[in-house]
Amino acid sequence: MRILLVEDEASLREPMAAYVRSMGYDVDEADSIEAAREALYDAEPDLVILDVMLPEGVDAGFEFASELREAGFDGPVLFITARDAVEDRVRGLDLGGDDYLTKPFSLEELAARVRALLRRQGSVRRSFFERGPLRVDYAARKVHWQGREVALSGREFALIELFSLHPDRVYSAEELLERLFPGTDSGLKIVRVYVHRLRTKLGPEVVQTVAGGYRLGLEP
């Protein structure tokens, strides 16, 4: 499972990341909202640990949590912050947070919160997806088509990963743009380009164009 840790203070972030990795999770570290967006290019995390006060502003973490929810991220968000006022807690939860951990805290408590949130999420992400000629190995970040491994770029993998994690869901071009290509100046054209790349590398049927957008084109 993959966790995105957004904390600008290296003296806090690095031991937290090391401890969570020792629990068997993959951890992407970010010291700013911009760095967090870059991490999201490659893969959607199962959980986000998010500091509230970041270089972008005192409420940047709250604003980023709201941005994540609007973009369709449905995994748990754990806020970490020195701000312990009731109104801050309420605001964080109202903006899409699932838990709120006040600094200073022990690494053992952080680990317990992470385990609880992932249990509460309902189920551990399966290690691979297989349907028809397609196999997506999430842990190894590899894709096979008709038994042959196909090399994909980070964003190409992120796109097929998203479709395979939610194989019955239709994604609009606007949502794909927001989730996978935030900040780009290319507009919806870049979504069409990457859909075309997947169809070229894997097969024209792998992504289906339907009313409202795109979905995985392979039947169970």
Protein backbone atom coordinates (compact mmCIF):
# COMPACT_ATOMS: atom_id res chain seq x y z
CA MET A 1 0.00 0.00 0.00
CA ARG A 2 1.13 3.54 -0.75
CA ILE A 3 1.04 6.53 1.60
CA LEU A 4 1.65 10.16 0.71
CA LEU A 5 3.26 12.11 3.56
CA VAL A 6 3.09 15.89 3.20
CA GLU A 7 5.19 17.66 5.86
CA ASP A 8 7.58 20.54 5.27
CA GLU A 9 9.79 20.02 8.35
CA ALA A 10 12.39 17.42 7.41
CA SER A 11 13.19 16.71 11.07
CA LEU A 12 9.61 15.44 11.46
CA ARG A 13 8.94 14.06 7.99
CA GLU A 14 11.98 11.84 7.65
CA PRO A 15 11.56 9.81 10.88
CA MET A 16 7.83 9.53 10.23
CA ALA A 17 8.47 8.23 6.72
CA ALA A 18 11.09 5.76 7.96
CA TYR A 19 8.75 4.44 10.66
CA VAL A 20 5.81 4.01 8.29
CA ARG A 21 8.07 2.26 5.77
CA SER A 22 9.12 -0.12 8.54
CA MET A 23 5.43 -1.11 8.77
CA GLY A 24 5.63 -2.39 5.21
CA TYR A 25 4.10 0.56 3.35
CA ASP A 26 5.50 2.51 0.41
CA VAL A 27 5.84 6.21 1.31
CA ASP A 28 6.05 9.19 -1.03
CA GLU A 29 7.39 12.28 0.76
CA ALA A 30 6.47 15.86 -0.09
CA ASP A 31 7.51 19.11 1.60
CA SER A 32 4.93 21.32 -0.12
CA ILE A 33 1.60 21.16 -1.91
CA GLU A 34 3.36 21.46 -5.25
CA ALA A 35 5.57 18.48 -4.41
CA ALA A 36 2.48 16.55 -3.30
CA ARG A 37 0.82 17.20 -6.65
CA GLU A 38 3.95 15.94 -8.39
CA ALA A 39 3.81 12.73 -6.33
CA LEU A 40 0.20 12.24 -7.37
CA TYR A 41 1.28 12.20 -11.03
CA ASP A 42 2.79 8.76 -10.58
CA ALA A 43 0.26 6.96 -8.39
CA GLU A 44 -2.77 7.58 -6.24
CA PRO A 45 -2.01 6.81 -2.58
CA ASP A 46 -4.14 4.66 -0.31
CA LEU A 47 -3.82 7.22 2.48
CA VAL A 48 -2.60 10.83 2.81
CA ILE A 49 -0.88 12.14 5.94
CA LEU A 50 -1.15 15.89 5.65
CA ASP A 51 0.30 18.73 7.69
CA VAL A 52 -2.03 21.71 7.97
CA MET A 53 0.56 24.51 7.94
CA LEU A 54 2.74 24.30 4.84
CA PRO A 55 4.89 26.76 2.85
CA GLU A 56 1.87 27.73 0.75
CA GLY A 57 -0.01 29.07 3.79
CA VAL A 58 -1.25 28.42 7.33
CA ASP A 59 -4.34 26.63 5.99
CA ALA A 60 -2.69 25.05 2.95
CA GLY A 61 -3.28 21.51 4.22
CA PHE A 62 -6.98 22.15 4.68
CA GLU A 63 -7.21 23.62 1.19
CA PHE A 64 -5.30 20.71 -0.34
CA ALA A 65 -7.58 18.18 1.39
CA SER A 66 -10.57 19.94 -0.14
CA GLU A 67 -8.84 19.87 -3.53
CA LEU A 68 -8.21 16.12 -3.20
CA ARG A 69 -11.86 15.41 -2.42
CA GLU A 70 -13.08 17.57 -5.29
CA ALA A 71 -10.73 15.67 -7.60
CA GLY A 72 -12.28 12.36 -6.53
CA PHE A 73 -9.74 10.99 -4.04
CA ASP A 74 -11.71 8.73 -1.70
CA GLY A 75 -8.93 7.38 0.53
CA PRO A 76 -8.46 8.45 4.15
CA VAL A 77 -6.78 11.75 5.04
CA LEU A 78 -4.98 12.10 8.37
CA PHE A 79 -4.21 15.68 9.41
CA ILE A 80 -1.15 16.34 11.58
CA THR A 81 -0.78 19.75 13.16
CA ALA A 82 0.13 21.71 16.27
CA ARG A 83 -3.23 23.47 16.07
CA ASP A 84 -5.52 21.74 18.55
CA ALA A 85 -8.46 24.16 18.76
CA VAL A 86 -11.86 22.53 18.40
CA GLU A 87 -12.75 24.76 15.45
CA ASP A 88 -9.61 23.58 13.60
CA ARG A 89 -10.53 19.95 14.16
CA VAL A 90 -14.09 20.53 13.02
CA ARG A 91 -12.94 22.39 9.94
CA GLY A 92 -10.47 19.67 8.99
CA LEU A 93 -13.09 16.94 9.30
CA ASP A 94 -15.66 18.98 7.39
CA LEU A 95 -13.18 19.48 4.53
CA GLY A 96 -12.73 15.75 4.04
CA GLY A 97 -10.32 14.69 6.77
CA ASP A 98 -10.80 11.34 8.48
CA ASP A 99 -8.62 11.85 11.56
CA TYR A 100 -6.70 14.62 13.29
CA LEU A 101 -3.44 14.04 15.17
CA THR A 102 -2.04 16.87 17.27
CA LYS A 103 1.71 17.50 17.52
CA PRO A 104 3.74 16.39 19.35
CA PHE A 105 2.81 12.74 19.00
CA SER A 106 4.64 9.43 19.23
CA LEU A 107 5.48 7.40 16.17
CA GLU A 108 3.64 4.49 17.78
CA GLU A 109 0.44 6.53 17.92
CA LEU A 110 0.90 7.60 14.30
CA ALA A 111 1.29 3.95 13.33
CA ALA A 112 -1.87 3.01 15.22
CA ARG A 113 -3.85 5.78 13.48
CA VAL A 114 -2.58 4.65 10.08
CA ARG A 115 -3.58 1.04 10.73
CA ALA A 116 -7.01 2.06 11.99
CA LEU A 117 -7.71 4.30 9.01
CA LEU A 118 -6.71 1.66 6.51
CA ARG A 119 -8.86 -0.93 8.30
CA ARG A 120 -11.76 1.50 8.34
CA GLN A 121 -11.37 2.08 4.63
CA GLY A 122 -12.89 -1.34 4.16
CA SER A 123 -10.24 -3.44 2.50
CA VAL A 124 -6.58 -3.51 1.61
CA ARG A 125 -5.93 -2.71 -2.02
CA ARG A 126 -5.41 -5.91 -3.89
CA SER A 127 -1.90 -6.48 -5.18
CA PHE A 128 -2.93 -6.91 -8.80
CA PHE A 129 -5.85 -6.61 -11.20
CA GLU A 130 -6.50 -9.09 -13.98
CA ARG A 131 -9.22 -8.99 -16.60
CA GLY A 132 -9.05 -10.54 -20.05
CA PRO A 133 -5.63 -9.89 -21.61
CA LEU A 134 -4.78 -7.17 -19.05
CA ARG A 135 -2.84 -7.65 -15.82
CA VAL A 136 -1.83 -4.68 -13.66
CA ASP A 137 0.64 -5.41 -10.86
CA TYR A 138 0.27 -2.51 -8.41
CA ALA A 139 3.15 -3.45 -6.14
CA ALA A 140 5.69 -3.95 -8.93
CA ARG A 141 4.10 -1.18 -11.06
CA LYS A 142 4.10 -3.41 -14.12
CA VAL A 143 1.52 -4.02 -16.80
CA HIS A 144 1.14 -7.13 -18.94
CA TRP A 145 -1.00 -7.37 -22.05
CA GLN A 146 -1.67 -10.81 -23.55
CA GLY A 147 1.08 -12.21 -21.34
CA ARG A 148 3.71 -9.70 -22.46
CA GLU A 149 5.10 -6.95 -20.24
CA VAL A 150 4.50 -3.50 -21.71
CA ALA A 151 6.64 -0.53 -20.69
CA LEU A 152 4.54 2.44 -19.62
CA SER A 153 5.51 5.90 -18.46
CA GLY A 154 4.58 7.03 -14.96
CA ARG A 155 1.48 8.87 -16.11
CA GLU A 156 0.44 6.09 -18.47
CA PHE A 157 0.63 3.65 -15.57
CA ALA A 158 -1.30 6.06 -13.33
CA LEU A 159 -4.08 6.20 -15.93
CA ILE A 160 -4.45 2.43 -16.39
CA GLU A 161 -4.11 1.98 -12.62
CA LEU A 162 -7.02 4.36 -12.06
CA PHE A 163 -9.21 2.59 -14.61
CA SER A 164 -8.36 -0.83 -13.19
CA LEU A 165 -8.96 0.15 -9.58
CA HIS A 166 -12.45 1.32 -10.51
CA PRO A 167 -13.24 -0.79 -13.61
CA ASP A 168 -16.95 0.03 -13.72
CA ARG A 169 -16.63 3.76 -13.19
CA VAL A 170 -16.84 6.35 -15.96
CA TYR A 171 -14.34 9.22 -15.70
CA SER A 172 -14.99 12.46 -17.51
CA ALA A 173 -12.10 14.01 -19.39
CA GLU A 174 -12.28 16.95 -16.99
CA GLU A 175 -11.91 14.67 -13.96
CA LEU A 176 -8.97 12.82 -15.48
CA LEU A 177 -7.33 16.15 -16.24
CA GLU A 178 -7.80 17.32 -12.66
CA ARG A 179 -6.64 14.08 -11.05
CA LEU A 180 -3.66 13.20 -13.25
CA PHE A 181 -2.54 16.39 -14.96
CA PRO A 182 -3.14 19.28 -12.53
CA GLY A 183 -1.56 22.54 -13.57
CA THR A 184 -1.04 21.57 -17.21
CA ASP A 185 -1.58 24.16 -19.94
CA SER A 186 -2.53 21.56 -22.55
CA GLY A 187 -6.19 21.34 -21.56
CA LEU A 188 -8.29 18.27 -22.35
CA LYS A 189 -6.03 17.45 -25.30
CA ILE A 190 -3.52 15.82 -22.96
CA VAL A 191 -6.17 13.39 -21.71
CA ARG A 192 -6.95 12.32 -25.28
CA VAL A 193 -3.22 11.93 -25.96
CA TYR A 194 -2.70 9.58 -23.00
CA VAL A 195 -5.82 7.55 -23.74
CA HIS A 196 -4.52 7.13 -27.30
CA ARG A 197 -1.12 6.03 -25.94
CA LEU A 198 -2.71 3.33 -23.79
CA ARG A 199 -4.77 2.06 -26.70
CA THR A 200 -1.68 1.99 -28.92
CA LYS A 201 0.53 0.19 -26.38
CA LEU A 202 -2.05 -2.23 -24.96
CA GLY A 203 -4.92 -2.54 -27.40
CA PRO A 204 -7.69 -0.36 -28.79
CA GLU A 205 -10.28 -2.04 -26.56
CA VAL A 206 -8.50 -1.37 -23.26
CA VAL A 207 -10.12 2.06 -22.81
CA GLN A 208 -13.70 2.58 -23.90
CA THR A 209 -15.19 5.95 -24.85
CA VAL A 210 -18.70 6.17 -23.44
CA ALA A 211 -21.30 8.85 -22.72
CA GLY A 212 -19.71 11.13 -20.15
CA GLY A 213 -16.08 10.12 -20.67
CA TYR A 214 -13.91 7.01 -20.47
CA ARG A 215 -13.87 3.68 -18.64
CA LEU A 216 -12.03 0.39 -18.72
CA GLY A 217 -13.20 -1.32 -21.87
CA LEU A 218 -12.71 -4.94 -20.83
CA GLU A 219 -15.64 -7.02 -19.63
CA PRO A 220 -15.34 -9.32 -16.57
